[in-house]
Protein backbone atom coordinates (compact mmCIF):
# COMPACT_ATOMS: atom_id res chain seq x y z
CA MET A 1 29.26 -36.52 37.75
CA LEU A 2 27.56 -39.83 38.47
CA GLY A 3 28.33 -41.07 34.97
CA ASP A 4 32.04 -41.01 35.84
CA LEU A 5 31.54 -43.83 38.36
CA LEU A 6 31.42 -46.40 35.54
CA ASP A 7 34.61 -44.96 34.06
CA GLY A 8 36.32 -45.58 37.41
CA LEU A 9 36.03 -49.37 37.10
CA PRO A 10 39.10 -51.19 35.69
CA PRO A 11 38.36 -51.99 32.01
CA HIS A 12 38.35 -55.77 32.36
CA ARG A 13 36.62 -55.95 35.72
CA THR A 14 33.17 -57.54 35.61
CA ALA A 15 30.59 -54.76 35.85
CA VAL A 16 27.31 -56.73 35.86
CA HIS A 17 26.22 -60.29 36.63
CA LEU A 18 22.73 -61.29 35.48
CA GLY A 19 22.06 -65.02 35.70
CA ASP A 20 24.78 -66.68 33.62
CA GLU A 21 25.43 -63.47 31.67
CA THR A 22 28.25 -61.08 32.57
CA ILE A 23 29.74 -57.98 31.03
CA GLU A 24 33.08 -56.28 31.64
CA ALA A 25 33.32 -52.57 32.37
CA CYS A 26 34.90 -51.78 28.99
CA ALA A 27 32.06 -53.46 27.12
CA LEU A 28 29.43 -51.78 29.31
CA ARG A 29 31.05 -48.39 28.61
CA ALA A 30 30.90 -49.15 24.88
CA ARG A 31 27.19 -49.91 25.13
CA ALA A 32 26.65 -46.69 27.10
CA SER A 33 28.47 -44.74 24.38
CA ALA A 34 26.21 -46.32 21.75
CA VAL A 35 23.15 -45.12 23.66
CA ALA A 36 24.65 -41.63 23.92
CA GLU A 37 25.16 -41.57 20.13
CA LEU A 38 21.49 -42.47 19.62
CA LEU A 39 20.59 -39.47 21.77
CA ASP A 40 22.80 -37.11 19.77
CA GLY A 41 20.82 -33.95 19.20
CA VAL A 42 18.89 -34.12 22.47
CA ALA A 43 19.24 -30.79 24.25
CA PRO A 44 21.46 -30.84 27.37
CA GLY A 45 19.39 -31.20 30.53
CA ALA A 46 16.39 -32.73 28.76
CA PRO A 47 14.84 -35.77 30.48
CA ILE A 48 14.99 -39.18 28.79
CA ALA A 49 12.33 -41.65 29.94
CA VAL A 50 13.57 -45.25 30.20
CA ARG A 51 11.08 -48.07 30.54
CA LEU A 52 13.15 -51.27 30.69
CA PRO A 53 13.19 -54.39 32.88
CA ASN A 54 16.21 -55.18 35.07
CA SER A 55 18.92 -55.93 32.53
CA ILE A 56 22.42 -55.10 31.36
CA GLU A 57 20.78 -52.96 28.69
CA LEU A 58 19.11 -50.85 31.39
CA ILE A 59 22.41 -50.12 33.18
CA ALA A 60 24.08 -49.25 29.85
CA THR A 61 21.18 -46.91 29.09
CA LEU A 62 21.45 -45.24 32.51
CA PHE A 63 25.07 -44.28 31.90
CA GLY A 64 24.42 -43.56 28.22
CA VAL A 65 21.80 -40.96 29.13
CA TRP A 66 24.31 -39.25 31.42
CA LYS A 67 27.03 -39.46 28.77
CA ALA A 68 24.66 -37.61 26.44
CA GLY A 69 24.27 -34.82 29.02
CA ALA A 70 20.61 -35.68 29.58
CA VAL A 71 18.50 -36.35 32.69
CA TYR A 72 17.48 -39.93 33.47
CA LEU A 73 13.80 -40.67 34.13
CA PRO A 74 13.17 -44.29 35.23
CA VAL A 75 9.71 -45.58 34.34
CA ASN A 76 8.59 -48.83 35.92
CA PRO A 77 7.68 -51.38 33.20
CA ARG A 78 4.81 -52.55 35.41
CA LEU A 79 2.97 -49.20 35.20
CA THR A 80 -0.24 -49.09 33.24
CA ALA A 81 -0.56 -47.00 30.08
CA ILE A 82 -2.53 -44.39 32.03
CA GLU A 83 0.16 -44.20 34.72
CA VAL A 84 2.91 -43.89 32.12
CA GLU A 85 1.00 -41.09 30.39
CA ARG A 86 0.74 -39.20 33.68
CA VAL A 87 4.48 -39.60 34.38
CA LEU A 88 5.42 -38.38 30.91
CA GLY A 89 2.99 -35.50 31.17
CA GLU A 90 4.45 -34.29 34.45
CA VAL A 91 8.12 -34.60 33.49
CA ARG A 92 7.95 -33.87 29.70
CA PRO A 93 10.89 -35.98 28.46
CA ALA A 94 12.56 -35.45 25.10
CA ALA A 95 12.48 -39.16 24.28
CA VAL A 96 11.29 -42.53 25.54
CA ILE A 97 13.39 -45.71 25.42
CA GLY A 98 11.31 -48.86 25.77
CA ASP A 99 12.01 -52.57 25.83
CA GLY A 100 13.10 -53.73 22.37
CA GLU A 101 12.79 -50.31 20.75
CA TRP A 102 14.99 -47.28 20.19
CA PRO A 103 14.22 -43.76 21.32
CA THR A 104 10.86 -42.27 20.43
CA THR A 105 11.20 -38.49 20.40
CA LEU A 106 8.60 -36.23 21.97
CA ALA A 107 7.78 -32.57 21.47
CA ASP A 108 8.22 -29.68 23.92
CA PRO A 109 10.66 -31.36 26.39
CA ALA A 110 11.54 -29.84 29.73
CA ARG A 111 15.07 -28.55 30.44
CA HIS A 112 17.08 -28.82 33.66
CA ASP A 113 20.44 -27.47 34.74
CA ALA A 114 23.59 -29.53 34.26
CA ASP A 115 23.72 -30.81 37.85
CA ILE A 116 20.35 -32.60 37.68
CA ALA A 117 21.09 -36.33 37.26
CA LEU A 118 17.67 -37.93 37.31
CA ILE A 119 14.03 -37.43 38.19
CA GLN A 120 12.58 -40.00 40.55
CA PHE A 121 9.00 -40.22 41.73
CA THR A 122 8.32 -40.56 45.46
CA SER A 123 6.70 -43.74 46.74
CA GLY A 124 3.21 -42.26 47.02
CA THR A 125 2.19 -44.05 50.22
CA THR A 126 -0.02 -41.20 51.46
CA GLY A 127 -0.84 -39.39 48.23
CA PRO A 128 0.01 -39.19 44.52
CA PRO A 129 3.72 -39.82 43.74
CA LYS A 130 5.67 -36.60 43.16
CA PRO A 131 8.60 -36.07 40.76
CA VAL A 132 11.84 -35.16 42.53
CA PRO A 133 15.03 -34.07 40.74
CA LEU A 134 18.23 -35.49 42.25
CA ARG A 135 21.56 -33.78 41.67
CA HIS A 136 24.86 -35.36 40.68
CA SER A 137 26.64 -33.37 43.41
CA GLY A 138 24.16 -34.19 46.15
CA VAL A 139 24.10 -37.94 45.47
CA LEU A 140 27.89 -38.13 45.27
CA ALA A 141 28.19 -36.34 48.61
CA LEU A 142 25.68 -38.73 50.24
CA LEU A 143 27.57 -41.74 48.85
CA GLU A 144 30.74 -40.47 50.50
CA GLY A 145 28.93 -40.18 53.84
CA VAL A 146 27.63 -43.75 53.69
CA ILE A 147 31.03 -45.11 52.67
CA ALA A 148 32.67 -43.23 55.55
CA THR A 149 30.19 -44.76 58.01
CA LEU A 150 30.60 -48.29 56.67
CA ARG A 151 34.39 -47.92 56.36
CA THR A 152 34.23 -49.62 52.96
CA ARG A 153 37.67 -50.43 51.57
CA PRO A 154 38.76 -48.37 48.52
CA PRO A 155 39.07 -50.02 45.09
CA SER A 156 42.06 -52.33 44.54
CA ASP A 157 43.39 -54.52 41.76
CA ALA A 158 41.53 -57.50 43.22
CA GLU A 159 37.85 -57.66 42.29
CA PRO A 160 35.82 -56.83 45.42
CA MET A 161 32.71 -58.65 46.55
CA PRO A 162 29.79 -57.92 44.18
CA ASN A 163 26.90 -55.80 45.35
CA LEU A 164 23.71 -57.88 45.14
CA VAL A 165 20.78 -55.67 44.08
CA PRO A 166 17.47 -57.45 44.86
CA VAL A 167 15.09 -54.64 43.85
CA SER A 168 13.86 -53.08 40.62
CA LEU A 169 16.23 -50.71 38.86
CA SER A 170 13.26 -48.48 38.11
CA LEU A 171 13.40 -47.56 41.82
CA TRP A 172 15.88 -45.13 43.29
CA ALA A 173 16.89 -47.81 45.82
CA GLY A 174 18.03 -50.02 42.94
CA ILE A 175 19.84 -47.29 41.01
CA TYR A 176 21.53 -46.14 44.21
CA GLN A 177 22.91 -49.64 44.85
CA VAL A 178 24.46 -49.73 41.37
CA LEU A 179 26.08 -46.33 41.95
CA PHE A 180 27.32 -47.40 45.39
CA ALA A 181 28.91 -50.52 43.91
CA TYR A 182 30.71 -48.65 41.14
CA ARG A 183 31.89 -45.99 43.59
CA ILE A 184 33.77 -48.67 45.56
CA GLY A 185 34.87 -50.52 42.43
CA ALA A 186 32.53 -53.51 42.84
CA PRO A 187 30.44 -55.37 40.26
CA VAL A 188 26.68 -55.65 40.66
CA VAL A 189 24.54 -58.78 40.67
CA ILE A 190 21.04 -57.94 39.51
CA MET A 191 17.88 -60.04 39.68
CA ASP A 192 15.10 -59.80 37.12
CA ARG A 193 12.70 -60.17 40.08
CA PHE A 194 13.06 -61.11 43.73
CA GLU A 195 12.50 -64.77 44.58
CA PRO A 196 13.75 -66.27 47.89
CA THR A 197 15.47 -69.45 46.62
CA THR A 198 17.13 -67.56 43.75
CA PHE A 199 18.36 -64.93 46.18
CA ALA A 200 19.85 -67.59 48.47
CA ALA A 201 21.54 -69.26 45.49
CA LEU A 202 23.10 -65.95 44.38
CA VAL A 203 24.40 -65.31 47.91
CA ARG A 204 26.18 -68.70 47.80
CA ARG A 205 27.39 -68.35 44.22
CA HIS A 206 28.96 -64.92 44.69
CA SER A 207 30.03 -65.37 48.35
CA ILE A 208 27.95 -62.38 49.40
CA ARG A 209 28.71 -61.38 53.00
CA SER A 210 26.56 -58.23 53.12
CA THR A 211 23.65 -56.97 51.07
CA VAL A 212 20.47 -54.88 51.18
CA LEU A 213 16.90 -56.13 51.45
CA PRO A 214 13.47 -54.51 51.75
CA PRO A 215 11.50 -55.66 54.83
CA ALA A 216 9.02 -57.49 52.59
CA ALA A 217 11.88 -59.56 51.13
CA MET A 218 13.14 -60.44 54.62
CA THR A 219 9.66 -61.66 55.51
CA MET A 220 9.47 -63.74 52.32
CA LEU A 221 12.82 -65.36 53.11
CA ALA A 222 11.87 -66.11 56.73
CA ASP A 223 8.61 -67.67 55.50
CA GLU A 224 10.24 -69.83 52.81
CA PRO A 225 10.92 -73.38 54.11
CA ALA A 226 13.08 -74.17 51.07
CA VAL A 227 15.64 -71.57 52.20
CA GLU A 228 17.45 -73.26 55.08
CA SER A 229 20.56 -71.08 55.08
CA LEU A 230 21.84 -67.77 53.74
CA ALA A 231 25.51 -68.54 54.35
CA PRO A 232 27.94 -66.85 53.96
CA LEU A 233 25.74 -63.78 54.50
CA GLU A 234 26.64 -61.88 57.69
CA TYR A 235 24.87 -58.52 57.41
CA VAL A 236 21.70 -57.24 55.77
CA ARG A 237 20.92 -53.54 55.49
CA SER A 238 17.19 -52.78 55.52
CA ILE A 239 16.05 -50.41 52.75
CA THR A 240 12.96 -48.80 51.14
CA ALA A 241 10.43 -49.19 53.98
CA PRO A 242 10.16 -49.16 57.80
CA LEU A 243 11.39 -52.40 59.35
CA SER A 244 9.43 -53.90 62.23
CA PRO A 245 11.69 -54.87 65.18
CA LEU A 246 9.71 -58.10 65.39
CA GLN A 247 10.48 -58.99 61.75
CA ALA A 248 14.12 -57.97 62.19
CA ARG A 249 14.49 -60.31 65.17
CA ARG A 250 12.65 -63.10 63.33
CA PHE A 251 14.97 -62.86 60.31
CA ARG A 252 18.07 -62.73 62.50
CA ASP A 253 17.02 -65.71 64.59
CA ARG A 254 16.16 -67.79 61.53
CA PHE A 255 19.39 -67.20 59.60
CA GLY A 256 21.90 -65.85 62.13
CA VAL A 257 22.33 -62.72 59.99
CA ALA A 258 22.68 -59.30 61.62
CA VAL A 259 20.10 -56.77 60.44
CA LEU A 260 21.29 -53.18 60.11
CA ASN A 261 18.45 -50.72 59.88
CA GLY A 262 18.61 -47.58 57.77
CA TYR A 263 16.68 -44.46 56.86
CA GLY A 264 16.45 -42.23 53.82
CA GLN A 265 14.03 -40.59 51.43
CA THR A 266 13.97 -40.13 47.68
CA GLU A 267 13.63 -36.39 48.23
CA ILE A 268 17.03 -36.21 49.92
CA GLY A 269 18.87 -38.54 47.59
CA GLY A 270 19.12 -41.78 49.53
CA GLU A 271 20.18 -43.18 52.88
CA ILE A 272 21.26 -40.60 55.46
CA ILE A 273 20.92 -42.59 58.72
CA GLY A 274 21.98 -46.16 59.39
CA TRP A 275 23.77 -48.74 61.49
CA SER A 276 27.41 -49.68 61.15
CA ALA A 277 28.77 -53.12 62.01
CA MET A 278 30.57 -51.50 64.96
CA ASP A 279 27.27 -50.12 66.28
CA THR A 280 25.83 -53.63 66.18
CA LYS A 281 28.77 -55.01 68.15
CA THR A 282 28.66 -52.14 70.66
CA PHE A 283 24.93 -51.86 71.32
CA GLY A 284 23.57 -55.27 70.35
CA ASP A 285 19.82 -55.53 70.88
CA SER A 286 19.66 -52.54 73.22
CA LYS A 287 18.81 -50.26 70.29
CA LEU A 288 16.69 -52.72 68.32
CA GLY A 289 14.13 -50.73 66.35
CA ALA A 290 16.28 -47.62 65.90
CA THR A 291 17.09 -46.63 62.32
CA GLY A 292 20.71 -45.95 63.29
CA ARG A 293 22.85 -42.84 63.55
CA PRO A 294 23.44 -40.06 60.99
CA HIS A 295 26.06 -40.75 58.33
CA ALA A 296 29.03 -38.42 57.88
CA GLY A 297 27.93 -34.94 56.79
CA VAL A 298 24.34 -35.44 57.98
CA HIS A 299 22.81 -33.50 60.87
CA VAL A 300 19.45 -34.23 62.50
CA ARG A 301 17.05 -32.57 64.92
CA THR A 302 13.37 -32.69 65.87
CA ASP A 303 11.07 -29.71 66.10
CA ALA A 304 8.57 -28.92 68.87
CA HIS A 305 6.06 -31.33 67.35
CA GLY A 306 8.54 -34.19 67.07
CA GLU A 307 9.03 -34.00 63.28
CA LEU A 308 12.49 -35.10 62.13
CA GLN A 309 14.43 -32.39 60.31
CA VAL A 310 17.73 -33.03 58.53
CA ARG A 311 20.57 -31.16 56.89
CA THR A 312 22.50 -33.10 54.25
CA PRO A 313 24.70 -32.29 51.25
CA ALA A 314 21.57 -32.68 49.11
CA THR A 315 18.99 -30.61 51.01
CA SER A 316 19.95 -27.42 49.22
CA ALA A 317 19.63 -29.06 45.80
CA GLY A 318 16.14 -27.76 44.99
CA TYR A 319 13.00 -29.79 44.49
CA ALA A 320 10.51 -30.59 41.75
CA SER A 321 7.47 -28.84 43.15
CA ALA A 322 6.45 -26.01 45.43
CA GLU A 323 5.14 -28.59 47.89
CA LEU A 324 8.61 -30.07 48.35
CA THR A 325 10.32 -26.69 48.36
CA ASP A 326 8.03 -25.65 51.18
CA ARG A 327 9.48 -28.48 53.27
CA VAL A 328 12.74 -26.56 53.71
CA THR A 329 12.76 -24.34 56.80
CA GLU A 330 13.98 -20.77 56.78
CA ASP A 331 17.28 -21.85 58.36
CA GLY A 332 17.88 -24.59 55.77
CA TRP A 333 16.61 -27.79 57.42
CA PHE A 334 14.51 -30.27 55.47
CA ARG A 335 11.26 -31.41 57.09
CA THR A 336 11.05 -35.16 56.49
CA GLY A 337 7.41 -35.62 57.45
CA ASP A 338 8.45 -38.36 59.90
CA LEU A 339 7.95 -38.27 63.66
CA ALA A 340 11.13 -39.22 65.49
CA ARG A 341 13.09 -39.37 68.72
CA ILE A 342 16.86 -38.94 69.03
CA ASP A 343 18.43 -40.60 72.07
CA ASP A 344 21.55 -39.63 74.02
CA ASP A 345 23.75 -41.90 71.89
CA GLY A 346 22.58 -40.22 68.69
CA PHE A 347 20.32 -43.04 67.51
CA VAL A 348 17.20 -41.99 65.63
CA TRP A 349 13.89 -43.73 66.34
CA ILE A 350 11.05 -43.24 63.83
CA ASP A 351 7.54 -43.25 65.31
CA GLY A 352 5.69 -42.88 62.00
CA ARG A 353 4.60 -40.31 59.46
CA VAL A 354 3.20 -36.97 60.56
CA SER A 355 0.40 -37.50 58.04
CA ASP A 356 -0.32 -40.98 59.43
CA MET A 357 -0.52 -39.92 63.06
CA ILE A 358 -4.05 -40.42 64.38
CA ASN A 359 -5.59 -37.59 66.41
CA ARG A 360 -8.19 -39.31 68.58
CA GLY A 361 -10.05 -36.46 70.23
CA GLY A 362 -6.80 -34.55 70.79
CA LEU A 363 -4.77 -37.61 71.84
CA LYS A 364 -1.97 -38.79 69.54
CA VAL A 365 -1.86 -42.40 68.37
CA PHE A 366 1.17 -43.66 66.45
CA PRO A 367 -0.03 -46.40 64.06
CA GLU A 368 3.20 -48.41 64.08
CA GLU A 369 3.21 -48.65 67.88
CA VAL A 370 -0.23 -50.27 67.75
CA ALA A 371 0.68 -52.50 64.79
CA GLU A 372 3.76 -53.80 66.60
CA VAL A 373 1.60 -54.89 69.55
CA LEU A 374 -0.74 -56.76 67.19
CA ARG A 375 2.26 -58.55 65.64
CA LEU A 376 3.04 -60.00 69.07
CA SER A 377 0.19 -62.45 68.52
CA PRO A 378 1.37 -65.70 66.91
CA ALA A 379 -1.91 -65.71 64.98
CA VAL A 380 -0.94 -62.47 63.17
CA ALA A 381 1.45 -62.53 60.21
CA ASP A 382 1.34 -58.76 59.66
CA ALA A 383 -0.64 -55.73 60.70
CA ALA A 384 -1.21 -52.09 59.82
CA VAL A 385 -3.15 -49.33 61.53
CA ALA A 386 -4.77 -46.26 59.98
CA GLY A 387 -7.02 -43.43 61.11
CA ALA A 388 -10.70 -43.63 60.19
CA PRO A 389 -13.03 -40.61 60.37
CA ASP A 390 -15.21 -40.44 63.47
CA GLU A 391 -18.03 -37.92 64.02
CA ARG A 392 -17.36 -37.52 67.74
CA LEU A 393 -13.59 -37.84 68.07
CA GLY A 394 -12.44 -36.69 64.63
CA GLU A 395 -10.69 -39.97 63.87
CA VAL A 396 -10.04 -43.32 65.54
CA PRO A 397 -7.53 -46.11 64.88
CA TRP A 398 -8.61 -49.06 62.75
CA ALA A 399 -6.43 -52.15 62.61
CA PHE A 400 -5.98 -54.49 59.65
CA VAL A 401 -4.42 -57.87 60.38
CA VAL A 402 -3.18 -60.62 58.07
CA PRO A 403 -3.64 -64.09 59.63
CA ALA A 404 -0.61 -66.34 59.99
CA ALA A 405 -2.77 -69.39 59.20
CA GLY A 406 -6.40 -68.86 58.27
CA PRO A 407 -9.00 -66.22 59.24
CA ASP A 408 -10.69 -68.74 61.52
CA GLU A 409 -7.50 -68.91 63.62
CA ILE A 410 -7.76 -65.25 64.66
CA ASP A 411 -9.91 -64.25 67.62
CA VAL A 412 -10.57 -60.51 67.38
CA ASN A 413 -11.47 -60.36 71.07
CA GLU A 414 -8.08 -61.82 71.98
CA LEU A 415 -6.35 -59.18 69.85
CA ASP A 416 -8.39 -56.48 71.59
CA ALA A 417 -7.31 -57.87 74.99
CA LEU A 418 -3.67 -57.97 73.81
CA CYS A 419 -3.85 -54.29 72.85
CA ARG A 420 -5.46 -53.33 76.16
CA ALA A 421 -2.67 -55.12 78.03
CA HIS A 422 0.06 -53.17 76.23
CA LEU A 423 -1.51 -49.84 75.25
CA ALA A 424 -3.36 -46.94 76.80
CA PRO A 425 -7.13 -47.23 76.20
CA TYR A 426 -7.22 -44.42 73.61
CA LYS A 427 -4.64 -46.30 71.49
CA VAL A 428 -6.69 -49.49 71.30
CA PRO A 429 -8.18 -49.94 67.80
CA ALA A 430 -11.84 -49.09 67.53
CA ARG A 431 -12.12 -51.77 64.88
CA ILE A 432 -10.03 -54.78 63.87
CA GLU A 433 -10.46 -56.18 60.36
CA ILE A 434 -9.01 -59.42 59.02
CA VAL A 435 -7.57 -59.08 55.50
CA ASP A 436 -5.86 -61.48 53.10
CA ALA A 437 -2.94 -59.08 52.52
CA LEU A 438 -1.92 -55.48 53.14
CA PRO A 439 -1.86 -53.17 50.10
CA ARG A 440 1.74 -52.35 49.28
CA ASN A 441 3.52 -50.33 46.62
CA GLU A 442 6.48 -51.43 44.51
CA ILE A 443 9.01 -51.01 47.32
CA GLY A 444 6.95 -52.78 49.98
CA LYS A 445 5.48 -49.83 51.86
CA VAL A 446 1.88 -50.17 53.00
CA THR A 447 -0.32 -47.74 51.08
CA ILE A 448 -2.26 -46.20 53.92
CA ALA A 449 -4.73 -44.45 51.61
CA ALA A 450 -5.91 -47.86 50.33
CA LEU A 451 -6.78 -49.16 53.80
CA ILE A 452 -9.59 -46.74 54.67
CA PRO A 453 -12.23 -46.40 51.93
CA PRO A 454 -12.97 -42.70 51.21
CA THR A 455 -16.66 -43.29 51.89
CA HIS A 456 -16.01 -43.97 55.59
């Protein structure tokens, strides 16, 4: 069970660093036991909603819920009251633990089998977020595959390098990083929120040589003049959202840090495809833009339409809704909803979401391909492309660009010429709009639905 990962840490090894505060594993286990006692009487398999900021208390509560035999439901503290009500209504927890208050019990809770560890909502980039149950067994098996790929050293008496977690622990990406750290016997360094200069200071303070970062955080760091170095950082693994090759190269050139791409989905428990340090040494820039190769125990294929399908230790775990269950093929492969290519060396290249693909009069346009061309312009800080309804062609690509300086510095005609020089005519955006910023969710993914108003 995932709760056993905390028990595997040596008692007096530091378990969590948060600012100047630390806690040893034995003390964290005691706090988790106290939470479990508060939940005494909760039926096994009942969800417990936890709405806490990044803190030692949150990590103690995570393991306390599991110690009580319950199912963990992370609730982002930044959600509105209406959003929280919807989450609670869909999952039906037995209790809610909020900041500064003890459990509030609720009536008519749901029940899950003993292998369900937590319920995590999907990112909701193309539609409403969906609740997905993740299993103890499936997550543990995926962790073993990632560790085998990275060749991470097993725990020893010496305290290993801490795992710096720069994202919210209400996200699966954050929880996963805590579990990964405890599986290899490492402490975690958590941030109450991401801020570039604080991140750089933590890298120096804890001698962090490798870490994870969302693409948005890499962009923030590359844009921050106060951050002149990220030494001794050597590797960054990209998580939570697609990473533009242009932004990867920009980050690497600025700090001399190798960027290892990765791929995973909440529905399948975490990262299943990624780069190893050896891949970086072997292939260099020749595979720049690929998400990597499948981790141990993961198999991949594409169907006739180019959709990526995967088989992992978690794909037979069951899903929260009929919609997700329907994504499993008759022969047991999970349909990811992503369009992909797999090259002769086994590297997986993601072309975009099936739902995002633009059908322009029968011709396929991949939004990210067009956005990457727009990012070639030094006047463009970022770009996104979405399909807009069109009476004649069905839909056409619209581009949304964020200026690197000011809106007056962008010439839309020059961007149109740039696209025509690099793309087939049907891929050229029918419209280019200048925006102050792209709408993004909590983990940095562009929310496509927010780009095109429903009235168009």
